Amino acid sequence: MAALPLFPLGGVLLPGARMPLQLFEPRYLELAQHLASLPDDQRSFGVVRIRQGHEVGDGAATDLQEIGCEAKVDAMALARGDVGTVVHLVARGARRFRLDGLDEGAGTTYLTGSVTWLEDTGADDDPEVVALAARVLAAHGRYLETLGATADPVEARPKDVAFRVAERMVLDPADRQRVLDGSDAATRLRTVLSLLGRETAIVDRFAALPTPTDLGGASLN
């Protein structure tokens, strides 16, 4: 197991996805200070979805999902805001991990988790993964057509297609968590295929466009 600083959120970070954050709570300013003290290639923390509770304030949630995503820091900047010192941070999703428990003896005001890094199974040349990725891309095209929307083509390796398509969809955080939880590329692709079918049918039948939700892309913590 490895020790990893944690950043609980109401949303979900997927591997490869970009996430901007604004940090101003004292405990997360402490986290930012810790990250700034590390070499650039070691600046990372874990984003994990909150099952129940709140992101900020006294008694913030510690009831967390089992599977989270490592966030590697791309850029950090210090600024002054209405609430005082603010750290603007941009991170990108990297490895998935299983949260084995909280390290109560870490001595930090922010949460520190004991985690196990999860190996990603499913090669890009696996015929099943390649076929499923093609089906997901085709279904995503139908989804966009039903919405009356256009988008740049999804450019990703077959085993990463599920993450990239889910990132572009308007999904409830619980659905994003289902994608993140998938133990291998084929499982994640099947999950996204199911979500695309469901969302396309809803729009087609009820002419109801999905309402954007907080996907965890920005948080005032």
Protein backbone atom coordinates (compact mmCIF):
# COMPACT_ATOMS: atom_id res chain seq x y z
CA MET A 1 0.00 0.00 0.00
CA ALA A 2 1.03 3.59 -0.61
CA ALA A 3 0.20 6.82 1.23
CA LEU A 4 -1.61 9.42 -0.88
CA PRO A 5 -3.06 12.85 0.03
CA LEU A 6 -6.79 12.84 -0.68
CA PHE A 7 -9.12 15.45 -2.11
CA PRO A 8 -12.75 14.33 -1.62
CA LEU A 9 -15.19 15.72 -4.18
CA GLY A 10 -18.82 15.40 -5.10
CA GLY A 11 -17.73 14.60 -8.66
CA VAL A 12 -15.46 12.05 -10.28
CA LEU A 13 -12.10 12.45 -11.99
CA LEU A 14 -11.41 10.03 -14.85
CA PRO A 15 -7.93 9.04 -16.05
CA GLY A 16 -6.76 11.48 -18.70
CA ALA A 17 -9.34 14.14 -17.80
CA ARG A 18 -8.30 17.69 -16.94
CA MET A 19 -9.47 19.21 -13.65
CA PRO A 20 -9.04 22.85 -12.54
CA LEU A 21 -9.38 23.56 -8.82
CA GLN A 22 -9.36 26.60 -6.57
CA LEU A 23 -8.11 25.88 -3.06
CA PHE A 24 -8.67 28.22 -0.15
CA GLU A 25 -9.65 26.11 2.86
CA PRO A 26 -6.70 25.99 5.31
CA ARG A 27 -6.33 22.22 5.04
CA TYR A 28 -6.13 22.37 1.24
CA LEU A 29 -3.71 25.29 1.36
CA GLU A 30 -1.60 22.95 3.49
CA LEU A 31 -1.98 20.30 0.80
CA ALA A 32 -0.91 22.83 -1.85
CA GLN A 33 2.13 23.73 0.22
CA HIS A 34 3.01 20.05 0.50
CA LEU A 35 2.66 19.58 -3.26
CA ALA A 36 4.79 22.65 -3.96
CA SER A 37 7.59 21.18 -1.85
CA LEU A 38 7.84 18.12 -4.10
CA PRO A 39 9.64 17.71 -7.44
CA ASP A 40 7.35 18.42 -10.38
CA ASP A 41 7.00 14.75 -11.34
CA GLN A 42 5.96 13.76 -7.80
CA ARG A 43 3.15 16.29 -7.33
CA SER A 44 0.04 14.17 -7.13
CA PHE A 45 -2.95 13.54 -4.89
CA GLY A 46 -6.01 11.34 -4.96
CA VAL A 47 -9.48 12.48 -6.01
CA VAL A 48 -12.18 10.31 -4.52
CA ARG A 49 -15.94 10.76 -4.67
CA ILE A 50 -17.90 11.43 -1.50
CA ARG A 51 -20.65 8.90 -0.84
CA GLN A 52 -22.38 11.06 1.75
CA GLY A 53 -21.65 14.47 3.23
CA HIS A 54 -20.10 17.70 2.02
CA GLU A 55 -16.86 18.78 0.40
CA VAL A 56 -16.16 21.69 2.70
CA GLY A 57 -16.62 22.89 6.26
CA ASP A 58 -16.45 21.29 9.68
CA GLY A 59 -17.21 17.61 9.68
CA ALA A 60 -16.65 17.27 5.93
CA ALA A 61 -17.32 13.83 4.59
CA THR A 62 -15.05 10.88 5.20
CA ASP A 63 -17.51 8.32 3.75
CA LEU A 64 -15.72 7.85 0.45
CA GLN A 65 -15.94 5.63 -2.60
CA GLU A 66 -13.57 2.69 -2.74
CA ILE A 67 -12.13 3.54 -6.18
CA GLY A 68 -10.49 6.89 -6.90
CA CYS A 69 -8.17 8.49 -9.41
CA GLU A 70 -4.72 9.97 -8.98
CA ALA A 71 -4.49 13.64 -10.00
CA LYS A 72 -1.11 14.78 -11.30
CA VAL A 73 -0.47 18.52 -10.99
CA ASP A 74 0.18 20.29 -14.30
CA ALA A 75 0.29 23.84 -12.95
CA MET A 76 -0.12 25.78 -9.69
CA ALA A 77 -0.37 29.52 -9.02
CA LEU A 78 -0.93 31.58 -5.86
CA ALA A 79 -3.35 34.49 -5.84
CA ARG A 80 -5.35 36.71 -3.50
CA GLY A 81 -9.12 36.48 -3.55
CA ASP A 82 -12.17 37.64 -1.62
CA VAL A 83 -11.63 34.77 0.81
CA GLY A 84 -7.91 35.42 1.21
CA THR A 85 -5.15 33.27 -0.24
CA VAL A 86 -6.27 31.11 -3.16
CA VAL A 87 -4.25 28.47 -4.98
CA HIS A 88 -5.27 27.87 -8.60
CA LEU A 89 -4.34 24.35 -9.56
CA VAL A 90 -4.74 22.35 -12.76
CA ALA A 91 -4.42 18.57 -12.55
CA ARG A 92 -4.93 15.65 -14.89
CA GLY A 93 -6.26 12.19 -14.04
CA ALA A 94 -3.69 9.41 -14.01
CA ARG A 95 -3.78 6.01 -12.27
CA ARG A 96 -6.82 4.46 -10.64
CA PHE A 97 -6.47 3.32 -7.05
CA ARG A 98 -8.38 1.41 -4.38
CA LEU A 99 -8.76 3.28 -1.10
CA ASP A 100 -7.88 0.72 1.56
CA GLY A 101 -8.38 3.11 4.48
CA LEU A 102 -7.59 6.50 5.98
CA ASP A 103 -4.25 7.08 7.67
CA GLU A 104 -5.33 8.52 11.01
CA GLY A 105 -1.72 9.01 12.06
CA ALA A 106 -0.61 11.02 9.02
CA GLY A 107 -0.49 14.25 11.03
CA THR A 108 -2.06 16.37 8.27
CA THR A 109 -5.17 18.52 8.37
CA TYR A 110 -6.19 17.09 4.97
CA LEU A 111 -7.06 13.42 4.60
CA THR A 112 -4.33 10.93 3.74
CA GLY A 113 -5.30 7.56 2.36
CA SER A 114 -3.65 4.15 2.25
CA VAL A 115 -4.14 3.10 -1.36
CA THR A 116 -3.37 0.24 -3.71
CA TRP A 117 -2.64 1.16 -7.32
CA LEU A 118 -4.84 -0.74 -9.75
CA GLU A 119 -3.36 -2.33 -12.83
CA ASP A 120 -5.20 -1.59 -16.03
CA THR A 121 -5.93 -4.77 -17.95
CA GLY A 122 -7.00 -4.92 -21.56
CA ALA A 123 -4.48 -4.30 -24.33
CA ASP A 124 -5.12 -1.95 -27.24
CA ASP A 125 -4.77 -4.86 -29.66
CA ASP A 126 -7.20 -7.10 -27.77
CA PRO A 127 -9.88 -7.93 -30.41
CA GLU A 128 -12.68 -7.63 -27.84
CA VAL A 129 -11.49 -4.19 -26.70
CA VAL A 130 -11.05 -2.98 -30.27
CA ALA A 131 -14.54 -4.16 -31.26
CA LEU A 132 -16.17 -2.66 -28.17
CA ALA A 133 -14.35 0.66 -28.67
CA ALA A 134 -15.69 0.83 -32.24
CA ARG A 135 -19.23 0.18 -30.99
CA VAL A 136 -18.88 2.88 -28.33
CA LEU A 137 -17.65 5.45 -30.86
CA ALA A 138 -20.52 4.63 -33.21
CA ALA A 139 -23.03 4.88 -30.33
CA HIS A 140 -21.49 8.17 -29.27
CA GLY A 141 -22.04 9.48 -32.79
CA ARG A 142 -25.73 8.52 -32.60
CA TYR A 143 -25.97 10.16 -29.16
CA LEU A 144 -24.57 13.44 -30.53
CA GLU A 145 -26.89 13.25 -33.54
CA THR A 146 -29.90 12.80 -31.26
CA LEU A 147 -28.78 15.82 -29.24
CA GLY A 148 -28.30 17.83 -32.41
CA ALA A 149 -24.70 18.41 -31.38
CA THR A 150 -21.34 18.12 -33.05
CA ALA A 151 -17.93 17.50 -31.54
CA ASP A 152 -14.38 16.80 -32.57
CA PRO A 153 -13.64 13.11 -33.11
CA VAL A 154 -12.65 11.16 -30.02
CA GLU A 155 -8.92 10.50 -30.30
CA ALA A 156 -7.89 7.80 -27.87
CA ARG A 157 -6.40 4.35 -27.71
CA PRO A 158 -9.10 1.65 -27.70
CA LYS A 159 -8.67 0.91 -23.99
CA ASP A 160 -9.09 4.63 -23.15
CA VAL A 161 -12.17 5.25 -25.32
CA ALA A 162 -14.56 4.63 -22.41
CA PHE A 163 -12.94 7.37 -20.33
CA ARG A 164 -12.88 9.90 -23.17
CA VAL A 165 -16.49 9.30 -24.21
CA ALA A 166 -17.77 9.38 -20.62
CA GLU A 167 -15.86 12.62 -20.13
CA ARG A 168 -17.83 14.19 -22.99
CA MET A 169 -21.23 13.03 -21.78
CA VAL A 170 -23.50 14.80 -19.31
CA LEU A 171 -23.68 12.15 -16.62
CA ASP A 172 -24.61 11.92 -12.98
CA PRO A 173 -21.48 11.47 -10.80
CA ALA A 174 -22.75 8.01 -9.84
CA ASP A 175 -22.62 6.98 -13.52
CA ARG A 176 -19.10 8.35 -13.88
CA GLN A 177 -18.15 6.35 -10.81
CA ARG A 178 -19.47 3.21 -12.50
CA VAL A 179 -17.08 3.85 -15.39
CA LEU A 180 -14.15 4.49 -13.04
CA ASP A 181 -14.97 1.34 -11.04
CA GLY A 182 -14.68 -0.90 -14.11
CA SER A 183 -11.94 -3.44 -13.48
CA ASP A 184 -10.79 -3.65 -17.09
CA ALA A 185 -11.14 -1.87 -20.43
CA ALA A 186 -13.83 -4.21 -21.79
CA THR A 187 -15.99 -3.78 -18.68
CA ARG A 188 -15.71 0.01 -18.87
CA LEU A 189 -16.56 0.04 -22.57
CA ARG A 190 -19.68 -2.06 -21.93
CA THR A 191 -20.71 0.33 -19.15
CA VAL A 192 -20.35 3.36 -21.42
CA LEU A 193 -22.20 1.56 -24.22
CA SER A 194 -25.09 0.97 -21.82
CA LEU A 195 -25.05 4.60 -20.66
CA LEU A 196 -25.06 5.85 -24.25
CA GLY A 197 -28.02 3.64 -25.07
CA ARG A 198 -29.94 4.87 -22.06
CA GLU A 199 -29.21 8.57 -22.62
CA THR A 200 -29.94 8.40 -26.35
CA ALA A 201 -33.27 6.69 -25.69
CA ILE A 202 -34.26 9.32 -23.11
CA VAL A 203 -33.51 12.21 -25.46
CA ASP A 204 -35.16 10.47 -28.41
CA ARG A 205 -38.33 9.51 -26.53
CA PHE A 206 -38.90 12.57 -24.36
CA ALA A 207 -37.04 15.24 -26.35
CA ALA A 208 -35.36 16.11 -23.07
CA LEU A 209 -31.83 17.41 -23.21
CA PRO A 210 -29.53 16.34 -20.37
CA THR A 211 -28.92 18.96 -17.70
CA PRO A 212 -25.24 19.64 -17.00
CA THR A 213 -24.19 18.68 -13.50
CA ASP A 214 -21.09 19.40 -11.43
CA LEU A 215 -18.70 16.85 -12.88
CA GLY A 216 -15.93 17.63 -10.46
CA GLY A 217 -14.15 19.86 -12.96
CA ALA A 218 -13.88 22.73 -10.51
CA SER A 219 -14.36 23.01 -6.81
CA LEU A 220 -14.00 25.83 -4.32
CA ASN A 221 -12.33 23.99 -1.48
